[in-house]
Amino acid sequence: MKLAVLILSLFVSVGMNAQKGNLNLSKWHLSNEVKASDYQFINKVKLYCFLSNDYDNIYIDLKVEDAEVQERILKEGLTIWIDMDGKSAKQMGVRYPIGSQNPVGRKKPDYSENTNNPSGSIVASLSLANTIELVGFVNEEVRHFPSENADNFGGSVKFDKEGILYYKLVMPIAKLPLRNSKQSKGAMPFALGIEYGLISPGNKSGNHMNPPPPSKSRSGGSRSGSAGGRSVRSESAPDNSSGTRSNSYQPVKKPVLNWIKGIKLATSK
């Protein structure tokens, strides 16, 4: 009995290691359509990933079924970090989408609208997923540009009929600091980090959370007025039947990051 359990454990361990290792091996890019069997699940970030490349580009395809992760990506943004030294350093990356809560060149959105109408807000967030932001690319003068781009970094985000979010990012190899291997057989292994929920570098001044709940007044009553053109209201916050605040104020969760290390590009079909 113990021997059977040991053999079963060995098979499970080998299977897990093989699945984990396969994610590090990029496949040759043959089509923009990715088969369901090509995706591999990354538990830490709760999404599926597939890496491929040709002579010109690296293609990152993600499949996101988790509704909360979908919302975080569209509202808070997603960054693909690129590290050539194996140090998991977040010094160079491609942010796409930037996130509807991190708009570029526009006023910050009304967070109360996102909370009161979640179904509508995620559609609005999807419509804003059309800009790419480069982080740490010192040789690139333009840091923000449209995601529909055939000659540069490009990407797409879309839902299918079942509500699954499909993500694609195309990174030109010529714009990445890849290094040739000592054996002159392709590029040296490198690492990619997948992170969502990170405040955009261009939005560091923001508080990045929903408006705080009304504070209690000293007298215990309520009053309202205006200051500097803004409406001001101070009152005791009523509790609902479950004992929690009736408003939906919640701090944004911490960013989630997973590194895929030792990635090797395919050298031929």
Protein backbone atom coordinates (compact mmCIF):
# COMPACT_ATOMS: atom_id res chain seq x y z
CA MET A 1 0.00 0.00 0.00
CA LYS A 2 2.81 2.37 0.94
CA LEU A 3 4.64 1.51 -2.29
CA ALA A 4 1.54 2.28 -4.36
CA VAL A 5 1.12 5.65 -2.64
CA LEU A 6 4.81 6.41 -3.23
CA ILE A 7 4.56 5.59 -6.94
CA LEU A 8 1.39 7.69 -7.30
CA SER A 9 3.07 10.62 -5.55
CA LEU A 10 6.06 10.31 -7.88
CA PHE A 11 3.84 10.44 -10.96
CA VAL A 12 1.97 13.49 -9.63
CA SER A 13 5.25 15.23 -8.82
CA VAL A 14 6.71 14.53 -12.26
CA GLY A 15 3.49 15.70 -13.94
CA MET A 16 3.45 18.95 -11.98
CA ASN A 17 7.10 19.64 -12.72
CA ALA A 18 6.63 18.91 -16.41
CA GLN A 19 3.62 21.21 -16.61
CA LYS A 20 5.47 23.92 -14.77
CA GLY A 21 8.55 23.54 -16.97
CA ASN A 22 6.56 23.63 -20.21
CA LEU A 23 5.41 27.15 -19.43
CA ASN A 24 9.05 28.24 -19.62
CA LEU A 25 9.42 26.92 -23.16
CA SER A 26 7.99 29.28 -25.74
CA LYS A 27 6.33 27.57 -28.72
CA TRP A 28 6.80 28.67 -32.31
CA HIS A 29 4.00 31.10 -33.23
CA LEU A 30 1.89 29.60 -35.99
CA SER A 31 -1.46 31.33 -35.51
CA ASN A 32 -3.12 34.06 -33.48
CA GLU A 33 -5.73 31.50 -32.43
CA VAL A 34 -4.55 29.64 -29.32
CA LYS A 35 -5.86 26.16 -28.60
CA ALA A 36 -7.43 25.54 -25.21
CA SER A 37 -4.91 22.77 -24.55
CA ASP A 38 -1.98 25.19 -25.05
CA TYR A 39 -2.89 27.33 -22.06
CA GLN A 40 -1.38 26.53 -18.67
CA PHE A 41 -2.89 27.67 -15.41
CA ILE A 42 -0.88 29.89 -13.05
CA ASN A 43 -2.48 29.53 -9.65
CA LYS A 44 -0.91 32.60 -8.02
CA VAL A 45 -2.45 35.05 -10.50
CA LYS A 46 -5.51 32.87 -11.24
CA LEU A 47 -5.21 32.94 -15.02
CA TYR A 48 -4.04 30.82 -17.94
CA CYS A 49 -0.95 31.68 -19.97
CA PHE A 50 0.60 30.67 -23.30
CA LEU A 51 3.91 31.97 -24.67
CA SER A 52 4.97 31.83 -28.31
CA ASN A 53 7.38 33.59 -30.63
CA ASP A 54 8.61 33.87 -34.19
CA TYR A 55 11.66 35.64 -35.58
CA ASP A 56 10.15 39.09 -35.00
CA ASN A 57 7.87 39.02 -31.94
CA ILE A 58 7.08 37.43 -28.60
CA TYR A 59 3.38 36.73 -28.08
CA ILE A 60 1.83 36.57 -24.61
CA ASP A 61 -1.68 35.12 -24.52
CA LEU A 62 -3.70 35.08 -21.32
CA LYS A 63 -7.11 33.56 -20.59
CA VAL A 64 -8.94 34.88 -17.53
CA GLU A 65 -12.06 33.12 -16.25
CA ASP A 66 -12.12 34.57 -12.71
CA ALA A 67 -14.52 37.55 -12.63
CA GLU A 68 -12.62 39.36 -9.88
CA VAL A 69 -9.31 39.06 -11.74
CA GLN A 70 -11.00 40.27 -14.94
CA GLU A 71 -12.24 43.36 -13.12
CA ARG A 72 -8.87 44.07 -11.52
CA ILE A 73 -7.06 43.83 -14.86
CA LEU A 74 -9.49 46.14 -16.64
CA LYS A 75 -9.77 48.68 -13.81
CA GLU A 76 -6.33 48.57 -12.19
CA GLY A 77 -4.23 47.49 -15.16
CA LEU A 78 -1.80 44.69 -15.98
CA THR A 79 1.98 44.90 -16.40
CA ILE A 80 4.29 42.43 -18.10
CA TRP A 81 7.75 42.84 -16.54
CA ILE A 82 10.86 41.83 -18.49
CA ASP A 83 14.03 40.78 -16.67
CA MET A 84 17.20 39.52 -18.37
CA ASP A 85 19.32 38.97 -15.25
CA GLY A 86 17.19 36.48 -13.34
CA LYS A 87 16.73 38.91 -10.45
CA SER A 88 12.97 39.41 -10.78
CA ALA A 89 13.54 43.15 -11.05
CA LYS A 90 10.64 45.42 -12.00
CA GLN A 91 12.71 47.92 -14.00
CA MET A 92 11.38 47.36 -17.51
CA GLY A 93 7.85 46.46 -18.45
CA VAL A 94 4.86 46.89 -20.72
CA ARG A 95 1.65 48.03 -19.07
CA TYR A 96 -1.48 47.00 -20.93
CA PRO A 97 -4.21 47.71 -20.25
CA ILE A 98 -3.31 50.76 -18.20
CA GLY A 99 -6.60 50.40 -16.30
CA SER A 100 -9.66 52.62 -16.22
CA GLN A 101 -8.68 53.82 -12.73
CA ASN A 102 -5.29 54.94 -14.07
CA PRO A 103 -6.27 57.07 -17.06
CA VAL A 104 -3.60 58.91 -19.02
CA GLY A 105 -4.23 62.55 -19.81
CA ARG A 106 -7.75 62.46 -18.39
CA LYS A 107 -9.43 63.19 -15.09
CA LYS A 108 -9.73 60.36 -12.61
CA PRO A 109 -12.98 58.42 -12.90
CA ASP A 110 -15.81 58.62 -10.41
CA TYR A 111 -15.25 55.56 -8.23
CA SER A 112 -18.81 55.70 -6.90
CA GLU A 113 -20.03 54.90 -10.43
CA ASN A 114 -17.80 51.83 -10.54
CA THR A 115 -19.29 50.63 -7.25
CA ASN A 116 -22.95 51.37 -7.93
CA ASN A 117 -22.99 49.91 -11.44
CA PRO A 118 -20.39 47.14 -11.64
CA SER A 119 -21.79 45.52 -14.78
CA GLY A 120 -21.76 48.80 -16.66
CA SER A 121 -18.38 49.89 -15.36
CA ILE A 122 -16.55 46.78 -16.54
CA VAL A 123 -17.90 47.38 -20.06
CA ALA A 124 -16.67 50.96 -19.83
CA SER A 125 -13.31 49.73 -18.54
CA LEU A 126 -13.03 47.37 -21.51
CA SER A 127 -13.68 50.23 -23.92
CA LEU A 128 -10.76 52.13 -22.32
CA ALA A 129 -8.32 49.23 -22.75
CA ASN A 130 -6.76 50.76 -25.84
CA THR A 131 -3.47 52.29 -24.66
CA ILE A 132 -0.04 50.77 -24.02
CA GLU A 133 2.43 52.29 -21.57
CA LEU A 134 6.16 51.49 -21.64
CA VAL A 135 8.00 51.47 -18.31
CA GLY A 136 11.80 51.71 -18.16
CA PHE A 137 12.45 51.63 -21.92
CA VAL A 138 15.14 54.33 -21.98
CA ASN A 139 15.58 54.22 -25.76
CA GLU A 140 11.91 54.75 -26.53
CA GLU A 141 10.83 58.38 -26.79
CA VAL A 142 7.11 57.64 -27.01
CA ARG A 143 5.86 55.98 -23.81
CA HIS A 144 2.10 55.90 -24.53
CA PHE A 145 0.51 54.83 -27.80
CA PRO A 146 -2.58 53.01 -29.14
CA SER A 147 -2.71 49.25 -28.60
CA GLU A 148 -3.72 48.63 -32.22
CA ASN A 149 -0.21 48.82 -33.58
CA ALA A 150 1.32 46.63 -36.28
CA ASP A 151 4.85 48.05 -36.13
CA ASN A 152 5.33 48.36 -32.37
CA PHE A 153 4.10 46.84 -29.13
CA GLY A 154 0.48 45.87 -29.68
CA GLY A 155 -2.32 44.21 -27.79
CA SER A 156 -5.97 43.28 -27.53
CA VAL A 157 -8.43 42.48 -24.73
CA LYS A 158 -11.84 40.96 -25.42
CA PHE A 159 -14.60 38.83 -23.91
CA ASP A 160 -16.07 35.77 -25.58
CA LYS A 161 -19.71 34.68 -25.41
CA GLU A 162 -19.09 32.74 -22.19
CA GLY A 163 -17.67 35.79 -20.39
CA ILE A 164 -14.03 34.64 -20.57
CA LEU A 165 -11.49 37.43 -20.99
CA TYR A 166 -8.80 36.88 -23.63
CA TYR A 167 -5.64 38.98 -23.56
CA LYS A 168 -2.84 39.22 -26.14
CA LEU A 169 0.35 41.27 -26.01
CA VAL A 170 2.82 41.40 -28.91
CA MET A 171 6.36 42.50 -28.06
CA PRO A 172 8.87 43.19 -30.88
CA ILE A 173 12.07 41.24 -30.20
CA ALA A 174 14.15 44.08 -31.67
CA LYS A 175 12.98 46.39 -28.88
CA LEU A 176 13.87 43.96 -26.06
CA PRO A 177 17.35 43.65 -24.53
CA LEU A 178 17.65 39.95 -25.34
CA ARG A 179 21.12 38.47 -25.22
CA ASN A 180 22.49 35.77 -27.49
CA SER A 181 23.42 32.52 -25.80
CA LYS A 182 27.07 31.48 -25.63
CA GLN A 183 26.35 28.60 -27.98
CA SER A 184 24.82 31.08 -30.48
CA LYS A 185 21.59 29.10 -30.50
CA GLY A 186 18.91 31.68 -29.87
CA ALA A 187 18.58 34.06 -26.94
CA MET A 188 19.60 33.46 -23.35
CA PRO A 189 16.81 32.50 -20.95
CA PHE A 190 14.99 35.42 -19.36
CA ALA A 191 12.06 36.06 -17.01
CA LEU A 192 8.62 37.59 -17.43
CA GLY A 193 6.51 38.90 -14.56
CA ILE A 194 2.72 39.09 -14.75
CA GLU A 195 1.32 41.68 -12.35
CA TYR A 196 -2.10 43.26 -11.96
CA GLY A 197 -3.46 45.73 -9.40
CA LEU A 198 -0.39 47.98 -9.55
CA ILE A 199 -0.80 51.77 -9.48
CA SER A 200 0.34 53.21 -12.77
CA PRO A 201 3.64 55.19 -12.59
CA GLY A 202 1.76 58.09 -14.16
CA ASN A 203 -0.86 58.07 -11.39
CA LYS A 204 1.25 58.08 -8.22
CA SER A 205 -0.48 61.16 -6.84
CA GLY A 206 -3.80 59.34 -6.61
CA ASN A 207 -5.11 57.61 -3.52
CA HIS A 208 -6.29 54.73 -5.74
CA MET A 209 -9.20 53.67 -3.62
CA ASN A 210 -12.90 54.33 -3.30
CA PRO A 211 -14.06 57.44 -1.40
CA PRO A 212 -13.81 57.00 2.40
CA PRO A 213 -16.96 56.60 4.52
CA PRO A 214 -18.54 59.66 6.16
CA SER A 215 -16.86 60.53 9.45
CA LYS A 216 -18.74 60.92 12.73
CA SER A 217 -19.45 64.48 13.83
CA ARG A 218 -18.47 65.63 17.30
CA SER A 219 -22.04 66.40 18.25
CA GLY A 220 -23.39 63.09 17.00
CA GLY A 221 -25.79 64.83 14.61
CA SER A 222 -25.40 65.70 10.95
CA ARG A 223 -24.67 68.83 9.01
CA SER A 224 -23.98 69.73 5.42
CA GLY A 225 -22.43 72.64 3.61
CA SER A 226 -19.86 73.46 0.97
CA ALA A 227 -16.18 74.30 0.93
CA GLY A 228 -14.23 75.34 -2.12
CA GLY A 229 -17.09 74.36 -4.41
CA ARG A 230 -17.25 70.83 -2.96
CA SER A 231 -20.18 69.42 -1.03
CA VAL A 232 -19.25 68.55 2.57
CA ARG A 233 -21.27 66.25 4.78
CA SER A 234 -20.39 64.97 8.25
CA GLU A 235 -22.58 62.50 10.06
CA SER A 236 -22.66 59.24 11.95
CA ALA A 237 -22.48 56.38 9.47
CA PRO A 238 -25.56 54.14 9.83
CA ASP A 239 -25.08 50.39 9.99
CA ASN A 240 -27.11 47.91 8.00
CA SER A 241 -28.74 44.78 9.34
CA SER A 242 -25.55 42.73 9.08
CA GLY A 243 -23.61 45.17 11.24
CA THR A 244 -21.41 46.49 8.42
CA ARG A 245 -21.30 49.95 6.92
CA SER A 246 -24.03 50.65 4.39
CA ASN A 247 -21.62 52.19 1.89
CA SER A 248 -19.24 50.09 -0.18
CA TYR A 249 -15.91 51.66 0.78
CA GLN A 250 -13.10 49.15 0.43
CA PRO A 251 -9.35 49.75 0.05
CA VAL A 252 -7.95 48.31 -3.16
CA LYS A 253 -6.25 44.93 -2.68
CA LYS A 254 -2.51 44.52 -2.96
CA PRO A 255 -1.00 43.88 -6.41
CA VAL A 256 -0.57 40.26 -7.47
CA LEU A 257 2.69 39.25 -9.20
CA ASN A 258 3.99 35.98 -10.60
CA TRP A 259 7.37 35.48 -12.30
CA ILE A 260 7.94 32.94 -15.08
CA LYS A 261 11.69 32.33 -15.00
CA GLY A 262 14.09 30.65 -17.39
CA ILE A 263 12.00 31.31 -20.51
CA LYS A 264 13.58 29.92 -23.67
CA LEU A 265 12.43 31.16 -27.07
CA ALA A 266 11.73 28.71 -29.88
CA THR A 267 14.33 28.88 -32.65
CA SER A 268 12.33 27.25 -35.44
CA LYS A 269 8.92 25.80 -36.30
